[in-house]
PDB file of all heavy atoms in Angstrom:
ATOM      1  N   ARG A   1     -98.911 -93.039-132.710  1.00  0.00           N
ATOM      2  CA  ARG A   1     -98.709 -91.591-132.639  1.00  0.00           C
ATOM      3  C   ARG A   1     -99.969 -90.831-133.049  1.00  0.00           C
ATOM      4  O   ARG A   1    -100.323 -89.815-132.431  1.00  0.00           O
ATOM      5  CB  ARG A   1     -97.533 -91.184-133.536  1.00  0.00           C
ATOM      6  CG  ARG A   1     -96.176 -91.690-133.072  1.00  0.00           C
ATOM      7  CD  ARG A   1     -95.786 -91.076-131.739  1.00  0.00           C
ATOM      8  NE  ARG A   1     -94.441 -91.455-131.336  1.00  0.00           N
ATOM      9  CZ  ARG A   1     -94.133 -92.498-130.585  1.00  0.00           C
ATOM     10  NH1 ARG A   1     -95.123 -93.289-130.159  1.00  0.00           N
ATOM     11  NH2 ARG A   1     -92.885 -92.757-130.257  1.00  0.00           N
ATOM     12  N   VAL A   2    -100.634 -91.315-134.100  1.00  0.00           N
ATOM     13  CA  VAL A   2    -101.880 -90.670-134.528  1.00  0.00           C
ATOM     14  C   VAL A   2    -102.930 -90.773-133.425  1.00  0.00           C
ATOM     15  O   VAL A   2    -103.627 -89.796-133.114  1.00  0.00           O
ATOM     16  CB  VAL A   2    -102.397 -91.300-135.834  1.00  0.00           C
ATOM     17  CG1 VAL A   2    -103.785 -90.776-136.174  1.00  0.00           C
ATOM     18  CG2 VAL A   2    -101.428 -91.018-136.988  1.00  0.00           C
ATOM     19  N   TYR A   3    -103.053 -91.962-132.817  1.00  0.00           N
ATOM     20  CA  TYR A   3    -104.019 -92.171-131.735  1.00  0.00           C
ATOM     21  C   TYR A   3    -103.738 -91.230-130.571  1.00  0.00           C
ATOM     22  O   TYR A   3    -104.654 -90.558-130.058  1.00  0.00           O
ATOM     23  CB  TYR A   3    -103.968 -93.622-131.277  1.00  0.00           C
ATOM     24  CG  TYR A   3    -104.632 -93.885-129.948  1.00  0.00           C
ATOM     25  CD1 TYR A   3    -106.020 -93.924-129.827  1.00  0.00           C
ATOM     26  CD2 TYR A   3    -103.861 -94.086-128.801  1.00  0.00           C
ATOM     27  CE1 TYR A   3    -106.624 -94.150-128.599  1.00  0.00           C
ATOM     28  CE2 TYR A   3    -104.462 -94.312-127.575  1.00  0.00           C
ATOM     29  CZ  TYR A   3    -105.836 -94.348-127.475  1.00  0.00           C
ATOM     30  OH  TYR A   3    -106.429 -94.566-126.260  1.00  0.00           O
ATOM     31  N   MET A   4    -102.465 -91.156-130.150  1.00  0.00           N
ATOM     32  CA  MET A   4    -102.126 -90.291-129.025  1.00  0.00           C
ATOM     33  C   MET A   4    -102.339 -88.826-129.383  1.00  0.00           C
ATOM     34  O   MET A   4    -102.751 -88.024-128.539  1.00  0.00           O
ATOM     35  CB  MET A   4    -100.678 -90.535-128.585  1.00  0.00           C
ATOM     36  CG  MET A   4    -100.483 -91.865-127.867  1.00  0.00           C
ATOM     37  SD  MET A   4     -98.899 -92.008-127.015  1.00  0.00           S
ATOM     38  CE  MET A   4     -97.768 -91.976-128.396  1.00  0.00           C
ATOM     39  N   GLY A   5    -102.069 -88.466-130.644  1.00  0.00           N
ATOM     40  CA  GLY A   5    -102.309 -87.092-131.053  1.00  0.00           C
ATOM     41  C   GLY A   5    -103.777 -86.722-130.971  1.00  0.00           C
ATOM     42  O   GLY A   5    -104.132 -85.619-130.516  1.00  0.00           O
ATOM     43  N   ILE A   6    -104.651 -87.632-131.401  1.00  0.00           N
ATOM     44  CA  ILE A   6    -106.096 -87.374-131.335  1.00  0.00           C
ATOM     45  C   ILE A   6    -106.556 -87.265-129.885  1.00  0.00           C
ATOM     46  O   ILE A   6    -107.299 -86.350-129.513  1.00  0.00           O
ATOM     47  CB  ILE A   6    -106.869 -88.478-132.070  1.00  0.00           C
ATOM     48  CG1 ILE A   6    -106.549 -88.439-133.572  1.00  0.00           C
ATOM     49  CG2 ILE A   6    -108.372 -88.340-131.842  1.00  0.00           C
ATOM     50  CD1 ILE A   6    -107.132 -89.601-134.353  1.00  0.00           C
ATOM     51  N   VAL A   7    -106.104 -88.221-129.046  1.00  0.00           N
ATOM     52  CA  VAL A   7    -106.540 -88.239-127.641  1.00  0.00           C
ATOM     53  C   VAL A   7    -106.063 -86.998-126.912  1.00  0.00           C
ATOM     54  O   VAL A   7    -106.837 -86.357-126.177  1.00  0.00           O
ATOM     55  CB  VAL A   7    -106.037 -89.511-126.936  1.00  0.00           C
ATOM     56  CG1 VAL A   7    -106.348 -89.439-125.441  1.00  0.00           C
ATOM     57  CG2 VAL A   7    -106.684 -90.751-127.536  1.00  0.00           C
ATOM     58  N   ILE A   8    -104.775 -86.639-127.086  1.00  0.00           N
ATOM     59  CA  ILE A   8    -104.261 -85.480-126.333  1.00  0.00           C
ATOM     60  C   ILE A   8    -104.940 -84.198-126.800  1.00  0.00           C
ATOM     61  O   ILE A   8    -105.158 -83.279-126.000  1.00  0.00           O
ATOM     62  CB  ILE A   8    -102.727 -85.379-126.487  1.00  0.00           C
ATOM     63  CG1 ILE A   8    -102.138 -84.442-125.414  1.00  0.00           C
ATOM     64  CG2 ILE A   8    -102.336 -84.898-127.860  1.00  0.00           C
ATOM     65  CD1 ILE A   8    -102.318 -84.937-124.009  1.00  0.00           C
ATOM     66  N   THR A   9    -105.320 -84.128-128.090  1.00  0.00           N
ATOM     67  CA  THR A   9    -106.056 -82.953-128.575  1.00  0.00           C
ATOM     68  C   THR A   9    -107.420 -82.857-127.902  1.00  0.00           C
ATOM     69  O   THR A   9    -107.840 -81.771-127.456  1.00  0.00           O
ATOM     70  CB  THR A   9    -106.225 -83.023-130.104  1.00  0.00           C
ATOM     71  OG1 THR A   9    -104.933 -83.074-130.728  1.00  0.00           O
ATOM     72  CG2 THR A   9    -106.986 -81.809-130.613  1.00  0.00           C
ATOM     73  N   LEU A  10    -108.113 -83.998-127.793  1.00  0.00           N
ATOM     74  CA  LEU A  10    -109.423 -84.009-127.137  1.00  0.00           C
ATOM     75  C   LEU A  10    -109.289 -83.681-125.653  1.00  0.00           C
ATOM     76  O   LEU A  10    -110.138 -82.988-125.074  1.00  0.00           O
ATOM     77  CB  LEU A  10    -110.088 -85.369-127.328  1.00  0.00           C
ATOM     78  CG  LEU A  10    -110.467 -85.736-128.774  1.00  0.00           C
ATOM     79  CD1 LEU A  10    -111.004 -87.149-128.828  1.00  0.00           C
ATOM     80  CD2 LEU A  10    -111.498 -84.754-129.322  1.00  0.00           C
ATOM     81  N   VAL A  11    -108.214 -84.196-125.040  1.00  0.00           N
ATOM     82  CA  VAL A  11    -108.004 -83.925-123.618  1.00  0.00           C
ATOM     83  C   VAL A  11    -107.781 -82.438-123.386  1.00  0.00           C
ATOM     84  O   VAL A  11    -108.345 -81.842-122.452  1.00  0.00           O
ATOM     85  CB  VAL A  11    -106.797 -84.739-123.090  1.00  0.00           C
ATOM     86  CG1 VAL A  11    -106.379 -84.247-121.706  1.00  0.00           C
ATOM     87  CG2 VAL A  11    -107.146 -86.213-123.023  1.00  0.00           C
ATOM     88  N   LYS A  12    -106.960 -81.827-124.233  1.00  0.00           N
ATOM     89  CA  LYS A  12    -106.682 -80.403-124.058  1.00  0.00           C
ATOM     90  C   LYS A  12    -107.911 -79.540-124.341  1.00  0.00           C
ATOM     91  O   LYS A  12    -108.109 -78.498-123.709  1.00  0.00           O
ATOM     92  CB  LYS A  12    -105.538 -79.986-124.988  1.00  0.00           C
ATOM     93  CG  LYS A  12    -104.210 -80.653-124.688  1.00  0.00           C
ATOM     94  CD  LYS A  12    -103.741 -80.393-123.274  1.00  0.00           C
ATOM     95  CE  LYS A  12    -102.387 -81.040-123.018  1.00  0.00           C
ATOM     96  NZ  LYS A  12    -101.939 -80.839-121.595  1.00  0.00           N
ATOM     97  N   LEU A  13    -108.754 -79.982-125.285  1.00  0.00           N
ATOM     98  CA  LEU A  13    -109.926 -79.192-125.638  1.00  0.00           C
ATOM     99  C   LEU A  13    -111.096 -79.393-124.679  1.00  0.00           C
ATOM    100  O   LEU A  13    -111.762 -78.441-124.275  1.00  0.00           O
ATOM    101  CB  LEU A  13    -110.374 -79.527-127.062  1.00  0.00           C
ATOM    102  CG  LEU A  13    -109.449 -79.090-128.197  1.00  0.00           C
ATOM    103  CD1 LEU A  13    -109.982 -79.568-129.533  1.00  0.00           C
ATOM    104  CD2 LEU A  13    -109.286 -77.567-128.197  1.00  0.00           C
ATOM    105  N   PHE A  14    -111.335 -80.659-124.302  1.00  0.00           N
ATOM    106  CA  PHE A  14    -112.529 -80.964-123.518  1.00  0.00           C
ATOM    107  C   PHE A  14    -112.226 -81.618-122.168  1.00  0.00           C
ATOM    108  O   PHE A  14    -113.148 -81.766-121.353  1.00  0.00           O
ATOM    109  CB  PHE A  14    -113.456 -81.910-124.303  1.00  0.00           C
ATOM    110  CG  PHE A  14    -113.776 -81.416-125.688  1.00  0.00           C
ATOM    111  CD1 PHE A  14    -113.203 -82.012-126.794  1.00  0.00           C
ATOM    112  CD2 PHE A  14    -114.643 -80.353-125.869  1.00  0.00           C
ATOM    113  CE1 PHE A  14    -113.498 -81.566-128.077  1.00  0.00           C
ATOM    114  CE2 PHE A  14    -114.943 -79.896-127.133  1.00  0.00           C
ATOM    115  CZ  PHE A  14    -114.362 -80.498-128.245  1.00  0.00           C
ATOM    116  N   GLY A  15    -110.993 -82.031-121.968  1.00  0.00           N
ATOM    117  CA  GLY A  15    -110.672 -82.750-120.745  1.00  0.00           C
ATOM    118  C   GLY A  15    -110.566 -81.836-119.541  1.00  0.00           C
ATOM    119  O   GLY A  15    -110.648 -80.605-119.631  1.00  0.00           O
ATOM    120  N   ARG A  16    -110.389 -82.462-118.397  1.00  0.00           N
ATOM    121  CA  ARG A  16    -110.243 -81.716-117.167  1.00  0.00           C
ATOM    122  C   ARG A  16    -108.889 -82.025-116.542  1.00  0.00           C
ATOM    123  O   ARG A  16    -108.313 -83.081-116.756  1.00  0.00           O
ATOM    124  CB  ARG A  16    -111.357 -82.083-116.183  1.00  0.00           C
ATOM    125  CG  ARG A  16    -112.745 -81.688-116.661  1.00  0.00           C
ATOM    126  CD  ARG A  16    -113.793 -82.064-115.632  1.00  0.00           C
ATOM    127  NE  ARG A  16    -113.845 -83.501-115.399  1.00  0.00           N
ATOM    128  CZ  ARG A  16    -114.558 -84.084-114.455  1.00  0.00           C
ATOM    129  NH1 ARG A  16    -115.253 -83.345-113.613  1.00  0.00           N
ATOM    130  NH2 ARG A  16    -114.566 -85.397-114.321  1.00  0.00           N
ATOM    131  N   LYS A  17    -108.401 -81.121-115.745  1.00  0.00           N
ATOM    132  CA  LYS A  17    -107.140 -81.328-115.059  1.00  0.00           C
ATOM    133  C   LYS A  17    -107.298 -82.434-114.018  1.00  0.00           C
ATOM    134  O   LYS A  17    -108.412 -82.733-113.586  1.00  0.00           O
ATOM    135  CB  LYS A  17    -106.685 -80.030-114.391  1.00  0.00           C
ATOM    136  CG  LYS A  17    -106.342 -78.921-115.380  1.00  0.00           C
ATOM    137  CD  LYS A  17    -105.850 -77.685-114.639  1.00  0.00           C
ATOM    138  CE  LYS A  17    -105.467 -76.591-115.625  1.00  0.00           C
ATOM    139  NZ  LYS A  17    -104.970 -75.369-114.939  1.00  0.00           N
ATOM    140  N   PRO A  18    -106.176 -83.043-113.604  1.00  0.00           N
ATOM    141  CA  PRO A  18    -106.274 -84.145-112.630  1.00  0.00           C
ATOM    142  C   PRO A  18    -107.039 -83.773-111.361  1.00  0.00           C
ATOM    143  O   PRO A  18    -107.772 -84.598-110.816  1.00  0.00           O
ATOM    144  CB  PRO A  18    -104.804 -84.453-112.327  1.00  0.00           C
ATOM    145  CG  PRO A  18    -104.072 -84.071-113.567  1.00  0.00           C
ATOM    146  CD  PRO A  18    -104.801 -82.858-114.089  1.00  0.00           C
ATOM    147  N   ASP A  19    -106.866 -82.530-110.883  1.00  0.00           N
ATOM    148  CA  ASP A  19    -107.571 -82.154-109.656  1.00  0.00           C
ATOM    149  C   ASP A  19    -109.064 -81.969-109.873  1.00  0.00           C
ATOM    150  O   ASP A  19    -109.828 -81.793-108.912  1.00  0.00           O
ATOM    151  CB  ASP A  19    -106.969 -80.876-109.046  1.00  0.00           C
ATOM    152  CG  ASP A  19    -106.957 -79.719-110.038  1.00  0.00           C
ATOM    153  OD1 ASP A  19    -107.176 -79.975-111.228  1.00  0.00           O
ATOM    154  OD2 ASP A  19    -106.735 -78.578-109.608  1.00  0.00           O
ATOM    155  N   LYS A  20    -109.512 -82.004-111.147  1.00  0.00           N
ATOM    156  CA  LYS A  20    -110.940 -81.959-111.453  1.00  0.00           C
ATOM    157  C   LYS A  20    -111.486 -83.353-111.728  1.00  0.00           C
ATOM    158  O   LYS A  20    -112.629 -83.664-111.394  1.00  0.00           O
ATOM    159  CB  LYS A  20    -111.188 -81.059-112.663  1.00  0.00           C
ATOM    160  CG  LYS A  20    -110.705 -79.622-112.477  1.00  0.00           C
ATOM    161  CD  LYS A  20    -111.430 -78.929-111.341  1.00  0.00           C
ATOM    162  CE  LYS A  20    -110.967 -77.477-111.220  1.00  0.00           C
ATOM    163  NZ  LYS A  20    -111.636 -76.778-110.083  1.00  0.00           N
ATOM    164  N   ARG A  21    -110.646 -84.198-112.348  1.00  0.00           N
ATOM    165  CA  ARG A  21    -111.089 -85.561-112.659  1.00  0.00           C
ATOM    166  C   ARG A  21    -111.079 -86.440-111.411  1.00  0.00           C
ATOM    167  O   ARG A  21    -111.834 -87.396-111.310  1.00  0.00           O
ATOM    168  CB  ARG A  21    -110.191 -86.171-113.741  1.00  0.00           C
ATOM    169  CG  ARG A  21    -110.461 -85.602-115.127  1.00  0.00           C
ATOM    170  CD  ARG A  21    -109.717 -86.374-116.204  1.00  0.00           C
ATOM    171  NE  ARG A  21    -108.313 -86.022-116.243  1.00  0.00           N
ATOM    172  CZ  ARG A  21    -107.317 -86.892-116.143  1.00  0.00           C
ATOM    173  NH1 ARG A  21    -107.568 -88.167-115.946  1.00  0.00           N
ATOM    174  NH2 ARG A  21    -106.067 -86.495-116.229  1.00  0.00           N
ATOM    175  N   TYR A  22    -110.189 -86.146-110.489  1.00  0.00           N
ATOM    176  CA  TYR A  22    -110.114 -86.897-109.242  1.00  0.00           C
ATOM    177  C   TYR A  22    -110.380 -85.952-108.079  1.00  0.00           C
ATOM    178  O   TYR A  22    -110.188 -84.736-108.179  1.00  0.00           O
ATOM    179  CB  TYR A  22    -108.731 -87.533-109.076  1.00  0.00           C
ATOM    180  CG  TYR A  22    -108.340 -88.462-110.192  1.00  0.00           C
ATOM    181  CD1 TYR A  22    -107.500 -88.025-111.218  1.00  0.00           C
ATOM    182  CD2 TYR A  22    -108.809 -89.770-110.248  1.00  0.00           C
ATOM    183  CE1 TYR A  22    -107.134 -88.876-112.257  1.00  0.00           C
ATOM    184  CE2 TYR A  22    -108.454 -90.621-111.275  1.00  0.00           C
ATOM    185  CZ  TYR A  22    -107.613 -90.164-112.273  1.00  0.00           C
ATOM    186  OH  TYR A  22    -107.260 -91.003-113.295  1.00  0.00           O
ATOM    187  N   LYS A  23    -110.818 -86.533-106.991  1.00  0.00           N
ATOM    188  CA  LYS A  23    -111.090 -85.709-105.821  1.00  0.00           C
ATOM    189  C   LYS A  23    -109.783 -85.195-105.243  1.00  0.00           C
ATOM    190  O   LYS A  23    -108.850 -85.967-105.006  1.00  0.00           O
ATOM    191  CB  LYS A  23    -111.850 -86.525-104.768  1.00  0.00           C
ATOM    192  CG  LYS A  23    -112.273 -85.699-103.558  1.00  0.00           C
ATOM    193  CD  LYS A  23    -113.045 -86.529-102.551  1.00  0.00           C
ATOM    194  CE  LYS A  23    -113.448 -85.699-101.348  1.00  0.00           C
ATOM    195  NZ  LYS A  23    -114.186 -86.494-100.337  1.00  0.00           N
ATOM    196  N   TRP A  24    -109.726 -83.912-105.028  1.00  0.00           N
ATOM    197  CA  TRP A  24    -108.534 -83.300-104.439  1.00  0.00           C
ATOM    198  C   TRP A  24    -108.957 -82.196-103.505  1.00  0.00           C
ATOM    199  O   TRP A  24    -109.667 -81.267-103.896  1.00  0.00           O
ATOM    200  CB  TRP A  24    -107.619 -82.737-105.523  1.00  0.00           C
ATOM    201  CG  TRP A  24    -106.278 -82.280-104.997  1.00  0.00           C
ATOM    202  CD1 TRP A  24    -105.125 -83.003-104.967  1.00  0.00           C
ATOM    203  CD2 TRP A  24    -105.976 -81.001-104.416  1.00  0.00           C
ATOM    204  NE1 TRP A  24    -104.107 -82.256-104.403  1.00  0.00           N
ATOM    205  CE2 TRP A  24    -104.604 -81.017-104.048  1.00  0.00           C
ATOM    206  CE3 TRP A  24    -106.721 -79.858-104.161  1.00  0.00           C
ATOM    207  CZ2 TRP A  24    -103.968 -79.938-103.454  1.00  0.00           C
ATOM    208  CZ3 TRP A  24    -106.086 -78.763-103.546  1.00  0.00           C
ATOM    209  CH2 TRP A  24    -104.734 -78.810-103.215  1.00  0.00           C
ATOM    210  N   GLU A  25    -108.563 -82.327-102.262  1.00  0.00           N
ATOM    211  CA  GLU A  25    -108.811 -81.297-101.269  1.00  0.00           C
ATOM    212  C   GLU A  25    -107.538 -81.086-100.471  1.00  0.00           C
ATOM    213  O   GLU A  25    -106.846 -82.044-100.125  1.00  0.00           O
ATOM    214  CB  GLU A  25    -109.949 -81.691-100.324  1.00  0.00           C
ATOM    215  CG  GLU A  25    -111.319 -81.793-100.982  1.00  0.00           C
ATOM    216  CD  GLU A  25    -112.390 -82.197 -99.993  1.00  0.00           C
ATOM    217  OE1 GLU A  25    -112.056 -82.353 -98.787  1.00  0.00           O
ATOM    218  OE2 GLU A  25    -113.549 -82.360-100.396  1.00  0.00           O
ATOM    219  N   ALA A  26    -107.238 -79.859-100.200  1.00  0.00           N
ATOM    220  CA  ALA A  26    -106.040 -79.546 -99.421  1.00  0.00           C
ATOM    221  C   ALA A  26    -106.130 -80.164 -98.032  1.00  0.00           C
ATOM    222  O   ALA A  26    -107.206 -80.215 -97.421  1.00  0.00           O
ATOM    223  CB  ALA A  26    -105.869 -78.031 -99.323  1.00  0.00           C
ATOM    224  N   MET A  27    -105.002 -80.652 -97.549  1.00  0.00           N
ATOM    225  CA  MET A  27    -104.943 -81.220 -96.209  1.00  0.00           C
ATOM    226  C   MET A  27    -105.176 -80.108 -95.184  1.00  0.00           C
ATOM    227  O   MET A  27    -104.588 -79.023 -95.279  1.00  0.00           O
ATOM    228  CB  MET A  27    -103.587 -81.886 -95.970  1.00  0.00           C
ATOM    229  CG  MET A  27    -103.228 -82.954 -96.997  1.00  0.00           C
ATOM    230  SD  MET A  27    -104.269 -84.419 -96.874  1.00  0.00           S
ATOM    231  CE  MET A  27    -103.813 -85.033 -95.265  1.00  0.00           C
ATOM    232  N   LYS A  28    -106.040 -80.386 -94.217  1.00  0.00           N
ATOM    233  CA  LYS A  28    -106.387 -79.371 -93.222  1.00  0.00           C
ATOM    234  C   LYS A  28    -105.988 -79.834 -91.832  1.00  0.00           C
ATOM    235  O   LYS A  28    -105.948 -81.029 -91.534  1.00  0.00           O
ATOM    236  CB  LYS A  28    -107.899 -79.093 -93.265  1.00  0.00           C
ATOM    237  CG  LYS A  28    -108.378 -78.539 -94.604  1.00  0.00           C
ATOM    238  CD  LYS A  28    -109.868 -78.309 -94.587  1.00  0.00           C
ATOM    239  CE  LYS A  28    -110.358 -77.780 -95.928  1.00  0.00           C
ATOM    240  NZ  LYS A  28    -111.830 -77.568 -95.938  1.00  0.00           N
ATOM    241  N   ASP A  29    -105.698 -78.859 -90.984  1.00  0.00           N
ATOM    242  CA  ASP A  29    -105.342 -79.166 -89.598  1.00  0.00           C
ATOM    243  C   ASP A  29    -106.558 -79.676 -88.842  1.00  0.00           C
ATOM    244  O   ASP A  29    -107.699 -79.268 -89.103  1.00  0.00           O
ATOM    245  CB  ASP A  29    -104.794 -77.921 -88.897  1.00  0.00           C
ATOM    246  CG  ASP A  29    -103.471 -77.464 -89.490  1.00  0.00           C
ATOM    247  OD1 ASP A  29    -102.738 -78.324 -90.014  1.00  0.00           O
ATOM    248  OD2 ASP A  29    -103.181 -76.251 -89.435  1.00  0.00           O
TER     249      ASP A  29
END
């Protein structure tokens, strides 16, 4: 629990959303 608390705090402060960490582009016609 302590480990997950530290990691999730760092993720919220310095992390990026999934669409920033992974390539995401809207599907186009």
